[in-house]
Amino acid sequence: MSRADTREPERRKLIFRRAGWQIIKLDYGDYDFPDSMGKLVVIEYKMIEQMVTDMHSGVLTRQCRNLCENSDFPILMVSGHWAQKDGSLLGSGISWKQAWNQLQTIQDMGCRLRLATSEQHAVETVFQLEEYYSKESHPSALRQPSGNPYITMLSLINGIGLSKAKELEKVFPTIEILAQADIGDIEEANGVGGMLASRIWWFIRGRYA
C-alpha cells in the first residue's frame, strides 16, 4: 500500500487520496511504498526554503539519517529554484559550496537525492518513482530480484553494471577467488580495462584482503 503522511498540505493529500494512496501518519518521511520485492521506499520532500532552514538547525541531517536507518531506499526530494543572493543560497548565509557539501554528505549516508522544479513536478516524480520501484527488474543489479549478493556487491563499484558484474562472475565465481587475483588477472574479464581492473582490485583489497 502506498501512503502519504497526514501532515502533508490538504492540496497534496487530495491528489494522493484520489490516486488510491492511504493517508496515514508516517513515522519517517512524507511518502512511502513497497517495491516489487516488498522493500520499503521512503521519500522526504522539502521545498528548498525549508531545506535551507533545516540545514541550519541540523534537522535535515537527522531526518535523512532516520530515513537511511528505517528504509531500504531512502530518498530526499527537493523542489524549487536554487537562487543565489548576496553570495549565499536564497540569502540564507549558507553558501552554494556548503549546501552541496551537506547534500553530498547526506548522499554518502545512503540517502538518494532527487530534484524537482516545482511542487507539481515533485508530486509527478513521486508517482514516477512508485511506478519505477514496482517493476520486477531493472538494469541496476541492486534492484534485481535474484538476490545474488556477489553481483550486488560488484555493482557497488563505480563503472560496473549488471553485464560487467556477470562477466566478472564467469571468470571469478566466488569473492574468495576474486580477492586472490591481481590487476592483470582481473583484466581478463570481458569488458574490463586497466583502470576498472585497478578500481576493482582496490575495492576488494579494502574489504577482503
N, C-alpha and C. Protein backbone atom coordinates (compact mmCIF):
# COMPACT_ATOMS: atom_id res chain seq x y z
N MET A 1 0.84 -1.20 0.00
CA MET A 1 0.00 0.00 0.00
C MET A 1 0.88 1.25 0.00
N SER A 2 0.62 2.16 -0.93
CA SER A 2 1.34 3.43 -0.99
C SER A 2 0.69 4.41 -0.02
N ARG A 3 1.52 5.17 0.71
CA ARG A 3 0.99 6.00 1.78
C ARG A 3 1.58 7.42 1.74
N ALA A 4 0.76 8.39 2.13
CA ALA A 4 1.19 9.78 2.28
C ALA A 4 0.92 10.21 3.71
N ASP A 5 1.77 11.08 4.23
CA ASP A 5 1.67 11.49 5.63
C ASP A 5 0.49 12.45 5.84
N THR A 6 -0.15 12.32 6.99
CA THR A 6 -1.30 13.17 7.32
C THR A 6 -0.92 14.64 7.46
N ARG A 7 0.37 14.91 7.72
CA ARG A 7 0.81 16.29 7.92
C ARG A 7 1.08 17.02 6.60
N GLU A 8 0.92 16.33 5.48
CA GLU A 8 1.06 16.99 4.18
C GLU A 8 -0.08 17.99 3.97
N PRO A 9 0.15 19.05 3.17
CA PRO A 9 -0.92 20.02 2.90
C PRO A 9 -2.13 19.34 2.25
N GLU A 10 -3.31 19.88 2.51
CA GLU A 10 -4.54 19.27 2.01
C GLU A 10 -4.52 19.13 0.49
N ARG A 11 -3.95 20.13 -0.21
CA ARG A 11 -3.95 20.07 -1.68
C ARG A 11 -3.18 18.85 -2.19
N ARG A 12 -2.09 18.48 -1.48
CA ARG A 12 -1.33 17.32 -1.91
C ARG A 12 -2.00 16.03 -1.45
N LYS A 13 -2.55 16.04 -0.24
CA LYS A 13 -3.25 14.84 0.24
C LYS A 13 -4.40 14.47 -0.68
N LEU A 14 -5.09 15.48 -1.19
CA LEU A 14 -6.22 15.23 -2.09
C LEU A 14 -5.76 14.51 -3.35
N ILE A 15 -4.61 14.93 -3.90
CA ILE A 15 -4.07 14.31 -5.11
C ILE A 15 -3.76 12.84 -4.86
N PHE A 16 -3.09 12.56 -3.75
CA PHE A 16 -2.69 11.19 -3.45
C PHE A 16 -3.90 10.33 -3.06
N ARG A 17 -4.86 10.92 -2.36
CA ARG A 17 -6.06 10.17 -1.99
C ARG A 17 -6.82 9.75 -3.24
N ARG A 18 -6.92 10.65 -4.21
CA ARG A 18 -7.61 10.34 -5.46
C ARG A 18 -6.88 9.24 -6.24
N ALA A 19 -5.55 9.16 -6.03
CA ALA A 19 -4.76 8.13 -6.72
C ALA A 19 -4.79 6.79 -5.99
N GLY A 20 -5.56 6.73 -4.89
CA GLY A 20 -5.70 5.47 -4.16
C GLY A 20 -4.70 5.27 -3.04
N TRP A 21 -3.95 6.31 -2.70
CA TRP A 21 -2.98 6.19 -1.63
C TRP A 21 -3.69 6.29 -0.28
N GLN A 22 -3.12 5.64 0.72
CA GLN A 22 -3.63 5.74 2.09
C GLN A 22 -3.01 6.97 2.75
N ILE A 23 -3.83 7.76 3.43
CA ILE A 23 -3.33 8.92 4.16
C ILE A 23 -3.23 8.53 5.63
N ILE A 24 -2.00 8.49 6.13
CA ILE A 24 -1.75 7.99 7.47
C ILE A 24 -0.54 8.72 8.05
N LYS A 25 -0.48 8.82 9.38
CA LYS A 25 0.68 9.45 10.00
C LYS A 25 1.88 8.50 9.88
N LEU A 26 2.91 8.97 9.21
CA LEU A 26 4.11 8.16 9.00
C LEU A 26 5.16 8.48 10.06
N ASP A 27 5.90 7.48 10.46
CA ASP A 27 6.98 7.69 11.43
C ASP A 27 8.16 8.39 10.79
N TYR A 28 8.38 8.13 9.49
CA TYR A 28 9.53 8.71 8.79
C TYR A 28 9.09 9.12 7.39
N GLY A 29 9.55 10.29 6.95
CA GLY A 29 9.29 10.73 5.60
C GLY A 29 7.87 11.22 5.37
N ASP A 30 7.63 11.64 4.12
CA ASP A 30 6.32 12.16 3.74
C ASP A 30 5.52 11.18 2.89
N TYR A 31 6.23 10.29 2.20
CA TYR A 31 5.59 9.28 1.36
C TYR A 31 6.35 7.97 1.48
N ASP A 32 5.64 6.86 1.45
CA ASP A 32 6.35 5.59 1.37
C ASP A 32 5.52 4.56 0.61
N PHE A 33 6.19 3.57 0.07
CA PHE A 33 5.53 2.50 -0.67
C PHE A 33 6.52 1.34 -0.81
N PRO A 34 6.01 0.12 -0.98
CA PRO A 34 6.90 -1.03 -1.14
C PRO A 34 7.34 -1.16 -2.60
N ASP A 35 8.54 -1.70 -2.81
CA ASP A 35 8.95 -2.01 -4.17
C ASP A 35 8.41 -3.38 -4.54
N SER A 36 8.82 -3.90 -5.70
CA SER A 36 8.27 -5.17 -6.19
C SER A 36 8.63 -6.35 -5.30
N MET A 37 9.68 -6.18 -4.45
CA MET A 37 10.10 -7.26 -3.56
C MET A 37 9.65 -7.03 -2.11
N GLY A 38 8.86 -5.98 -1.90
CA GLY A 38 8.38 -5.69 -0.56
C GLY A 38 9.29 -4.80 0.26
N LYS A 39 10.40 -4.34 -0.34
CA LYS A 39 11.30 -3.43 0.36
C LYS A 39 10.72 -2.02 0.37
N LEU A 40 11.00 -1.29 1.45
CA LEU A 40 10.34 -0.01 1.67
C LEU A 40 11.10 1.15 1.02
N VAL A 41 10.37 1.94 0.25
CA VAL A 41 10.88 3.19 -0.32
C VAL A 41 10.27 4.34 0.48
N VAL A 42 11.11 5.23 1.02
CA VAL A 42 10.60 6.36 1.80
C VAL A 42 11.14 7.66 1.20
N ILE A 43 10.24 8.62 1.01
CA ILE A 43 10.61 9.90 0.42
C ILE A 43 10.37 11.02 1.42
N GLU A 44 11.39 11.79 1.69
CA GLU A 44 11.27 13.03 2.46
C GLU A 44 11.25 14.18 1.47
N TYR A 45 10.16 14.95 1.48
CA TYR A 45 10.00 16.04 0.50
C TYR A 45 10.13 17.40 1.16
N LYS A 46 10.93 18.27 0.54
CA LYS A 46 11.11 19.62 1.07
C LYS A 46 11.17 20.64 -0.06
N MET A 47 10.51 21.77 0.16
CA MET A 47 10.78 22.92 -0.68
C MET A 47 12.18 23.42 -0.30
N ILE A 48 12.85 24.05 -1.22
CA ILE A 48 14.25 24.42 -0.99
C ILE A 48 14.39 25.37 0.20
N GLU A 49 13.40 26.24 0.40
CA GLU A 49 13.46 27.17 1.53
C GLU A 49 13.47 26.40 2.86
N GLN A 50 12.64 25.37 2.96
CA GLN A 50 12.60 24.56 4.18
C GLN A 50 13.88 23.77 4.34
N MET A 51 14.43 23.29 3.21
CA MET A 51 15.68 22.55 3.27
C MET A 51 16.80 23.40 3.86
N VAL A 52 16.87 24.66 3.43
CA VAL A 52 17.90 25.57 3.95
C VAL A 52 17.73 25.78 5.45
N THR A 53 16.48 26.00 5.88
CA THR A 53 16.20 26.17 7.30
C THR A 53 16.62 24.94 8.09
N ASP A 54 16.31 23.76 7.55
CA ASP A 54 16.64 22.51 8.24
C ASP A 54 18.13 22.19 8.20
N MET A 55 18.83 22.72 7.21
CA MET A 55 20.29 22.61 7.20
C MET A 55 20.87 23.38 8.39
N HIS A 56 20.37 24.60 8.59
CA HIS A 56 20.84 25.45 9.69
C HIS A 56 20.64 24.77 11.04
N SER A 57 19.48 24.16 11.23
CA SER A 57 19.11 23.62 12.54
C SER A 57 19.66 22.22 12.80
N GLY A 58 20.09 21.55 11.71
CA GLY A 58 20.55 20.17 11.87
C GLY A 58 19.44 19.15 11.68
N VAL A 59 18.20 19.64 11.49
CA VAL A 59 17.06 18.74 11.32
C VAL A 59 17.22 17.88 10.07
N LEU A 60 17.75 18.47 8.99
CA LEU A 60 17.87 17.74 7.72
C LEU A 60 18.74 16.50 7.88
N THR A 61 19.87 16.65 8.53
CA THR A 61 20.78 15.51 8.72
C THR A 61 20.11 14.42 9.55
N ARG A 62 19.41 14.82 10.63
CA ARG A 62 18.74 13.84 11.48
C ARG A 62 17.63 13.11 10.72
N GLN A 63 16.87 13.85 9.94
CA GLN A 63 15.79 13.22 9.18
C GLN A 63 16.34 12.22 8.17
N CYS A 64 17.39 12.60 7.47
CA CYS A 64 17.96 11.71 6.46
C CYS A 64 18.61 10.49 7.11
N ARG A 65 19.20 10.67 8.28
CA ARG A 65 19.77 9.52 8.98
C ARG A 65 18.66 8.54 9.38
N ASN A 66 17.53 9.08 9.85
CA ASN A 66 16.40 8.22 10.20
C ASN A 66 15.86 7.50 8.98
N LEU A 67 15.82 8.20 7.84
CA LEU A 67 15.37 7.56 6.61
C LEU A 67 16.27 6.38 6.24
N CYS A 68 17.57 6.61 6.34
CA CYS A 68 18.54 5.57 5.97
C CYS A 68 18.44 4.36 6.90
N GLU A 69 18.14 4.61 8.16
CA GLU A 69 18.09 3.53 9.14
C GLU A 69 16.77 2.76 9.09
N ASN A 70 15.74 3.36 8.49
CA ASN A 70 14.42 2.74 8.55
C ASN A 70 13.78 2.47 7.19
N SER A 71 14.56 2.51 6.12
CA SER A 71 14.03 2.17 4.81
C SER A 71 15.13 1.56 3.95
N ASP A 72 14.71 0.79 2.97
CA ASP A 72 15.67 0.18 2.04
C ASP A 72 16.11 1.16 0.97
N PHE A 73 15.20 2.06 0.59
CA PHE A 73 15.51 3.05 -0.44
C PHE A 73 15.09 4.43 0.06
N PRO A 74 15.95 5.12 0.83
CA PRO A 74 15.63 6.46 1.33
C PRO A 74 15.90 7.51 0.26
N ILE A 75 14.97 8.43 0.10
CA ILE A 75 15.08 9.46 -0.94
C ILE A 75 14.77 10.83 -0.35
N LEU A 76 15.64 11.80 -0.58
CA LEU A 76 15.37 13.20 -0.25
C LEU A 76 15.01 13.90 -1.55
N MET A 77 13.81 14.46 -1.61
CA MET A 77 13.38 15.20 -2.80
C MET A 77 13.27 16.68 -2.45
N VAL A 78 13.92 17.52 -3.24
CA VAL A 78 13.93 18.96 -3.00
C VAL A 78 13.38 19.66 -4.24
N SER A 79 12.43 20.57 -4.04
CA SER A 79 11.88 21.29 -5.18
C SER A 79 12.07 22.79 -5.00
N GLY A 80 12.15 23.48 -6.13
CA GLY A 80 12.32 24.93 -6.12
C GLY A 80 13.51 25.35 -6.94
N HIS A 81 13.80 26.63 -6.91
CA HIS A 81 14.89 27.19 -7.71
C HIS A 81 16.05 27.58 -6.79
N TRP A 82 17.23 27.20 -7.20
CA TRP A 82 18.43 27.40 -6.39
C TRP A 82 19.00 28.81 -6.62
N ALA A 83 18.26 29.81 -6.17
CA ALA A 83 18.66 31.19 -6.39
C ALA A 83 19.76 31.61 -5.43
N GLN A 84 20.73 32.34 -5.96
CA GLN A 84 21.82 32.84 -5.14
C GLN A 84 21.60 34.31 -4.85
N LYS A 85 21.77 34.70 -3.61
CA LYS A 85 21.59 36.10 -3.21
C LYS A 85 22.66 36.47 -2.22
N ASP A 86 23.38 37.53 -2.51
CA ASP A 86 24.45 38.01 -1.64
C ASP A 86 25.47 36.92 -1.32
N GLY A 87 25.75 36.08 -2.33
CA GLY A 87 26.78 35.06 -2.18
C GLY A 87 26.35 33.81 -1.44
N SER A 88 25.04 33.70 -1.14
CA SER A 88 24.58 32.51 -0.42
C SER A 88 23.28 32.01 -1.04
N LEU A 89 22.89 30.84 -0.66
CA LEU A 89 21.69 30.22 -1.19
C LEU A 89 20.45 30.88 -0.61
N LEU A 90 19.68 31.57 -1.46
CA LEU A 90 18.47 32.29 -1.05
C LEU A 90 18.74 33.32 0.05
N GLY A 91 19.98 33.81 0.08
CA GLY A 91 20.33 34.80 1.10
C GLY A 91 20.32 34.24 2.50
N SER A 92 20.52 32.91 2.63
CA SER A 92 20.38 32.23 3.92
C SER A 92 21.62 32.28 4.78
N GLY A 93 22.75 32.69 4.20
CA GLY A 93 24.01 32.61 4.93
C GLY A 93 24.74 31.32 4.66
N ILE A 94 24.09 30.37 3.99
CA ILE A 94 24.72 29.12 3.57
C ILE A 94 25.18 29.26 2.14
N SER A 95 26.46 29.10 1.91
CA SER A 95 26.99 29.24 0.55
C SER A 95 26.59 28.04 -0.29
N TRP A 96 26.71 28.21 -1.60
CA TRP A 96 26.45 27.10 -2.50
C TRP A 96 27.33 25.91 -2.14
N LYS A 97 28.60 26.18 -1.87
CA LYS A 97 29.55 25.11 -1.56
C LYS A 97 29.12 24.37 -0.29
N GLN A 98 28.73 25.11 0.74
CA GLN A 98 28.30 24.48 1.99
C GLN A 98 27.06 23.63 1.78
N ALA A 99 26.11 24.16 0.98
CA ALA A 99 24.87 23.42 0.73
C ALA A 99 25.15 22.11 0.00
N TRP A 100 25.95 22.19 -1.04
CA TRP A 100 26.21 20.99 -1.83
C TRP A 100 27.11 20.01 -1.07
N ASN A 101 27.99 20.52 -0.23
CA ASN A 101 28.79 19.62 0.61
C ASN A 101 27.89 18.84 1.57
N GLN A 102 26.89 19.52 2.14
CA GLN A 102 25.99 18.83 3.07
C GLN A 102 25.13 17.81 2.33
N LEU A 103 24.68 18.17 1.13
CA LEU A 103 23.89 17.23 0.34
C LEU A 103 24.74 16.03 -0.07
N GLN A 104 26.02 16.25 -0.34
CA GLN A 104 26.91 15.14 -0.66
C GLN A 104 27.08 14.23 0.55
N THR A 105 27.20 14.82 1.73
CA THR A 105 27.31 14.03 2.96
C THR A 105 26.06 13.18 3.15
N ILE A 106 24.90 13.77 2.88
CA ILE A 106 23.64 13.03 3.01
C ILE A 106 23.59 11.86 2.04
N GLN A 107 24.08 12.09 0.81
CA GLN A 107 24.12 11.00 -0.17
C GLN A 107 25.11 9.92 0.25
N ASP A 108 26.24 10.32 0.84
CA ASP A 108 27.21 9.34 1.33
C ASP A 108 26.63 8.49 2.45
N MET A 109 25.67 9.04 3.20
CA MET A 109 24.98 8.29 4.24
C MET A 109 24.11 7.19 3.63
N GLY A 110 23.76 7.37 2.35
CA GLY A 110 22.91 6.39 1.68
C GLY A 110 21.57 6.94 1.23
N CYS A 111 21.35 8.24 1.44
CA CYS A 111 20.08 8.86 1.05
C CYS A 111 20.19 9.38 -0.38
N ARG A 112 19.29 8.95 -1.24
CA ARG A 112 19.32 9.36 -2.63
C ARG A 112 18.70 10.75 -2.77
N LEU A 113 19.22 11.55 -3.70
CA LEU A 113 18.76 12.93 -3.89
C LEU A 113 18.02 13.04 -5.21
N ARG A 114 16.81 13.61 -5.16
CA ARG A 114 16.04 13.90 -6.36
C ARG A 114 15.65 15.36 -6.33
N LEU A 115 15.77 16.04 -7.46
CA LEU A 115 15.44 17.46 -7.56
C LEU A 115 14.20 17.64 -8.43
N ALA A 116 13.36 18.60 -8.04
CA ALA A 116 12.18 18.93 -8.81
C ALA A 116 12.13 20.44 -8.98
N THR A 117 11.49 20.89 -10.04
CA THR A 117 11.44 22.33 -10.31
C THR A 117 10.30 23.03 -9.60
N SER A 118 9.29 22.25 -9.18
CA SER A 118 8.10 22.84 -8.56
C SER A 118 7.40 21.78 -7.73
N GLU A 119 6.40 22.20 -6.98
CA GLU A 119 5.60 21.25 -6.20
C GLU A 119 4.90 20.25 -7.12
N GLN A 120 4.34 20.74 -8.21
CA GLN A 120 3.66 19.85 -9.16
C GLN A 120 4.63 18.82 -9.73
N HIS A 121 5.82 19.28 -10.08
CA HIS A 121 6.84 18.38 -10.61
C HIS A 121 7.22 17.34 -9.55
N ALA A 122 7.30 17.75 -8.30
CA ALA A 122 7.66 16.83 -7.21
C ALA A 122 6.60 15.73 -7.06
N VAL A 123 5.33 16.11 -7.10
CA VAL A 123 4.24 15.13 -6.99
C VAL A 123 4.30 14.15 -8.16
N GLU A 124 4.50 14.67 -9.36
CA GLU A 124 4.62 13.81 -10.54
C GLU A 124 5.79 12.84 -10.38
N THR A 125 6.89 13.32 -9.81
CA THR A 125 8.07 12.48 -9.62
C THR A 125 7.81 11.38 -8.60
N VAL A 126 7.04 11.67 -7.55
CA VAL A 126 6.68 10.64 -6.57
C VAL A 126 5.94 9.50 -7.27
N PHE A 127 4.98 9.85 -8.11
CA PHE A 127 4.23 8.82 -8.84
C PHE A 127 5.14 8.04 -9.79
N GLN A 128 6.10 8.74 -10.42
CA GLN A 128 7.04 8.07 -11.32
C GLN A 128 7.93 7.10 -10.55
N LEU A 129 8.35 7.51 -9.36
CA LEU A 129 9.18 6.63 -8.54
C LEU A 129 8.39 5.40 -8.08
N GLU A 130 7.13 5.61 -7.73
CA GLU A 130 6.29 4.47 -7.35
C GLU A 130 6.20 3.47 -8.50
N GLU A 131 6.03 3.97 -9.71
CA GLU A 131 5.94 3.09 -10.87
C GLU A 131 7.28 2.40 -11.12
N TYR A 132 8.37 3.14 -10.99
CA TYR A 132 9.70 2.58 -11.23
C TYR A 132 10.00 1.43 -10.28
N TYR A 133 9.77 1.65 -8.99
CA TYR A 133 10.12 0.64 -8.00
C TYR A 133 9.16 -0.55 -8.00
N SER A 134 8.02 -0.40 -8.66
CA SER A 134 7.08 -1.53 -8.72
C SER A 134 7.45 -2.52 -9.82
N LYS A 135 8.40 -2.16 -10.69
CA LYS A 135 8.81 -3.06 -11.77
C LYS A 135 9.58 -4.25 -11.20
N GLU A 136 9.46 -5.38 -11.88
CA GLU A 136 10.08 -6.61 -11.40
C GLU A 136 11.59 -6.62 -11.56
N SER A 137 12.12 -5.97 -12.60
CA SER A 137 13.57 -5.97 -12.80
C SER A 137 14.00 -4.64 -13.39
N HIS A 138 15.27 -4.31 -13.17
CA HIS A 138 15.84 -3.04 -13.62
C HIS A 138 17.27 -3.29 -14.07
N PRO A 139 17.84 -2.38 -14.86
CA PRO A 139 19.24 -2.53 -15.25
C PRO A 139 20.19 -2.61 -14.08
N SER A 140 19.86 -1.92 -12.98
CA SER A 140 20.73 -1.95 -11.81
C SER A 140 20.64 -3.29 -11.11
N ALA A 141 21.78 -3.90 -10.83
CA ALA A 141 21.78 -5.18 -10.12
C ALA A 141 21.23 -5.03 -8.71
N LEU A 142 21.32 -3.83 -8.15
CA LEU A 142 20.78 -3.62 -6.80
C LEU A 142 19.27 -3.77 -6.77
N ARG A 143 18.62 -3.71 -7.95
CA ARG A 143 17.17 -3.85 -8.00
C ARG A 143 16.76 -5.17 -8.59
N GLN A 144 17.71 -6.09 -8.83
CA GLN A 144 17.36 -7.39 -9.38
C GLN A 144 16.81 -8.29 -8.28
N PRO A 145 15.71 -8.99 -8.54
CA PRO A 145 15.16 -9.87 -7.52
C PRO A 145 15.89 -11.20 -7.38
N SER A 146 17.01 -11.37 -8.05
CA SER A 146 17.73 -12.65 -7.99
C SER A 146 18.32 -12.90 -6.61
N GLY A 147 18.62 -11.83 -5.88
CA GLY A 147 19.17 -11.99 -4.54
C GLY A 147 20.60 -12.48 -4.53
N ASN A 148 21.36 -12.25 -5.60
CA ASN A 148 22.76 -12.68 -5.68
C ASN A 148 23.64 -11.65 -4.99
N PRO A 149 24.14 -11.93 -3.77
CA PRO A 149 24.91 -10.93 -3.04
C PRO A 149 26.24 -10.59 -3.71
N TYR A 150 26.81 -11.53 -4.44
CA TYR A 150 28.09 -11.28 -5.13
C TYR A 150 27.89 -10.26 -6.24
N ILE A 151 26.85 -10.43 -7.05
CA ILE A 151 26.54 -9.47 -8.11
C ILE A 151 26.22 -8.10 -7.51
N THR A 152 25.45 -8.10 -6.43
CA THR A 152 25.09 -6.85 -5.78
C THR A 152 26.33 -6.11 -5.28
N MET A 153 27.28 -6.84 -4.66
CA MET A 153 28.49 -6.22 -4.15
C MET A 153 29.32 -5.62 -5.29
N LEU A 154 29.48 -6.36 -6.39
CA LEU A 154 30.26 -5.87 -7.53
C LEU A 154 29.64 -4.60 -8.11
N SER A 155 28.32 -4.52 -8.06
CA SER A 155 27.63 -3.36 -8.62
C SER A 155 27.82 -2.09 -7.81
N LEU A 156 28.39 -2.22 -6.61
CA LEU A 156 28.71 -1.05 -5.81
C LEU A 156 29.93 -0.32 -6.34
N ILE A 157 30.71 -0.99 -7.19
CA ILE A 157 31.93 -0.40 -7.73
C ILE A 157 31.59 0.50 -8.90
N ASN A 158 32.06 1.72 -8.87
CA ASN A 158 31.79 2.68 -9.94
C ASN A 158 32.28 2.14 -11.28
N GLY A 159 31.38 2.10 -12.26
CA GLY A 159 31.74 1.64 -13.59
C GLY A 159 31.30 0.22 -13.89
N ILE A 160 30.70 -0.46 -12.90
CA ILE A 160 30.25 -1.84 -13.10
C ILE A 160 28.74 -1.90 -13.06
N GLY A 161 28.16 -2.32 -14.17
CA GLY A 161 26.73 -2.56 -14.25
C GLY A 161 26.47 -4.06 -14.17
N LEU A 162 25.24 -4.43 -14.48
CA LEU A 162 24.85 -5.83 -14.37
C LEU A 162 25.65 -6.73 -15.31
N SER A 163 25.85 -6.29 -16.56
CA SER A 163 26.54 -7.14 -17.55
C SER A 163 28.00 -7.38 -17.15
N LYS A 164 28.70 -6.31 -16.72
CA LYS A 164 30.11 -6.47 -16.32
C LYS A 164 30.22 -7.33 -15.06
N ALA A 165 29.26 -7.17 -14.14
CA ALA A 165 29.28 -7.99 -12.93
C ALA A 165 29.15 -9.47 -13.27
N LYS A 166 28.31 -9.77 -14.24
CA LYS A 166 28.13 -11.17 -14.64
C LYS A 166 29.37 -11.71 -15.35
N GLU A 167 30.04 -10.85 -16.14
CA GLU A 167 31.28 -11.27 -16.80
C GLU A 167 32.36 -11.57 -15.77
N LEU A 168 32.44 -10.75 -14.74
CA LEU A 168 33.41 -10.99 -13.66
C LEU A 168 33.09 -12.29 -12.93
N GLU A 169 31.83 -12.55 -12.74
CA GLU A 169 31.44 -13.77 -12.04
C GLU A 169 31.83 -15.02 -12.84
N LYS A 170 31.82 -14.91 -14.18
CA LYS A 170 32.23 -16.05 -15.02
C LYS A 170 33.70 -16.39 -14.79
N VAL A 171 34.54 -15.35 -14.67
CA VAL A 171 35.98 -15.55 -14.52
C VAL A 171 36.34 -15.85 -13.06
N PHE A 172 35.66 -15.18 -12.15
CA PHE A 172 35.92 -15.33 -10.71
C PHE A 172 34.61 -15.71 -10.02
N PRO A 173 34.30 -16.99 -9.96
CA PRO A 173 32.98 -17.45 -9.48
C PRO A 173 32.66 -17.09 -8.03
N THR A 174 33.68 -16.85 -7.21
CA THR A 174 33.43 -16.51 -5.81
C THR A 174 34.24 -15.28 -5.42
N ILE A 175 33.83 -14.64 -4.35
CA ILE A 175 34.54 -13.47 -3.87
C ILE A 175 35.94 -13.84 -3.38
N GLU A 176 36.10 -15.06 -2.86
CA GLU A 176 37.41 -15.50 -2.39
C GLU A 176 38.41 -15.60 -3.53
N ILE A 177 37.94 -16.11 -4.69
CA ILE A 177 38.81 -16.22 -5.85
C ILE A 177 39.18 -14.84 -6.38
N LEU A 178 38.20 -13.94 -6.42
CA LEU A 178 38.46 -12.58 -6.89
C LEU A 178 39.44 -11.86 -5.96
N ALA A 179 39.33 -12.10 -4.67
CA ALA A 179 40.21 -11.45 -3.70
C ALA A 179 41.66 -11.88 -3.85
N GLN A 180 41.89 -13.07 -4.43
CA GLN A 180 43.25 -13.57 -4.63
C GLN A 180 43.85 -13.15 -5.96
N ALA A 181 43.04 -12.54 -6.83
CA ALA A 181 43.51 -12.15 -8.16
C ALA A 181 44.30 -10.85 -8.10
N ASP A 182 45.20 -10.67 -9.08
CA ASP A 182 45.87 -9.38 -9.19
C ASP A 182 45.21 -8.59 -10.33
N ILE A 183 45.67 -7.36 -10.53
CA ILE A 183 45.02 -6.49 -11.51
C ILE A 183 45.06 -7.09 -12.91
N GLY A 184 46.18 -7.71 -13.27
CA GLY A 184 46.29 -8.33 -14.58
C GLY A 184 45.29 -9.45 -14.78
N ASP A 185 45.06 -10.22 -13.74
CA ASP A 185 44.07 -11.30 -13.81
C ASP A 185 42.66 -10.74 -14.04
N ILE A 186 42.36 -9.66 -13.33
CA ILE A 186 41.01 -9.08 -13.41
C ILE A 186 40.74 -8.55 -14.81
N GLU A 187 41.77 -8.05 -15.49
CA GLU A 187 41.61 -7.53 -16.85
C GLU A 187 41.18 -8.61 -17.84
N GLU A 188 41.31 -9.88 -17.46
CA GLU A 188 40.91 -10.97 -18.35
C GLU A 188 39.40 -11.06 -18.51
N ALA A 189 38.65 -10.48 -17.60
CA ALA A 189 37.20 -10.48 -17.72
C ALA A 189 36.77 -9.62 -18.90
N ASN A 190 35.81 -10.06 -19.64
CA ASN A 190 35.34 -9.35 -20.83
C ASN A 190 34.83 -7.95 -20.48
N GLY A 191 35.38 -6.93 -21.17
CA GLY A 191 34.93 -5.56 -20.98
C GLY A 191 35.55 -4.83 -19.82
N VAL A 192 36.54 -5.44 -19.18
CA VAL A 192 37.20 -4.79 -18.03
C VAL A 192 38.58 -4.29 -18.46
N GLY A 193 38.74 -2.98 -18.47
CA GLY A 193 40.02 -2.38 -18.83
C GLY A 193 40.91 -2.20 -17.63
N GLY A 194 42.10 -1.63 -17.88
CA GLY A 194 43.08 -1.48 -16.81
C GLY A 194 42.61 -0.62 -15.66
N MET A 195 41.97 0.52 -15.98
CA MET A 195 41.53 1.43 -14.93
C MET A 195 40.45 0.79 -14.05
N LEU A 196 39.49 0.13 -14.71
CA LEU A 196 38.42 -0.52 -13.96
C LEU A 196 38.96 -1.70 -13.16
N ALA A 197 39.90 -2.44 -13.74
CA ALA A 197 40.50 -3.57 -13.02
C ALA A 197 41.20 -3.08 -11.76
N SER A 198 41.89 -1.95 -11.87
CA SER A 198 42.55 -1.38 -10.70
C SER A 198 41.54 -0.96 -9.64
N ARG A 199 40.44 -0.38 -10.09
CA ARG A 199 39.39 0.05 -9.17
C ARG A 199 38.80 -1.15 -8.44
N ILE A 200 38.56 -2.23 -9.17
CA ILE A 200 38.02 -3.46 -8.57
C ILE A 200 39.00 -4.02 -7.55
N TRP A 201 40.28 -4.06 -7.92
CA TRP A 201 41.31 -4.62 -7.05
C TRP A 201 41.37 -3.88 -5.72
N TRP A 202 41.37 -2.54 -5.80
CA TRP A 202 41.43 -1.75 -4.58
C TRP A 202 40.17 -1.91 -3.74
N PHE A 203 39.02 -2.00 -4.39
CA PHE A 203 37.75 -2.20 -3.68
C PHE A 203 37.77 -3.52 -2.90
N ILE A 204 38.19 -4.59 -3.58
CA ILE A 204 38.23 -5.91 -2.95
C ILE A 204 39.29 -5.97 -1.86
N ARG A 205 40.47 -5.38 -2.12
CA ARG A 205 41.55 -5.39 -1.14
C ARG A 205 41.11 -4.68 0.14
N GLY A 206 40.33 -3.61 -0.03
CA GLY A 206 39.90 -2.84 1.15
C GLY A 206 38.92 -3.58 2.04
N ARG A 207 38.32 -4.67 1.49
CA ARG A 207 37.27 -5.37 2.25
C ARG A 207 37.66 -6.79 2.61
N TYR A 208 38.47 -7.45 1.76
CA TYR A 208 38.68 -8.88 1.95
C TYR A 208 40.14 -9.29 2.05
N ALA A 209 41.06 -8.38 1.80
CA ALA A 209 42.47 -8.76 1.86
C ALA A 209 42.94 -8.84 3.31
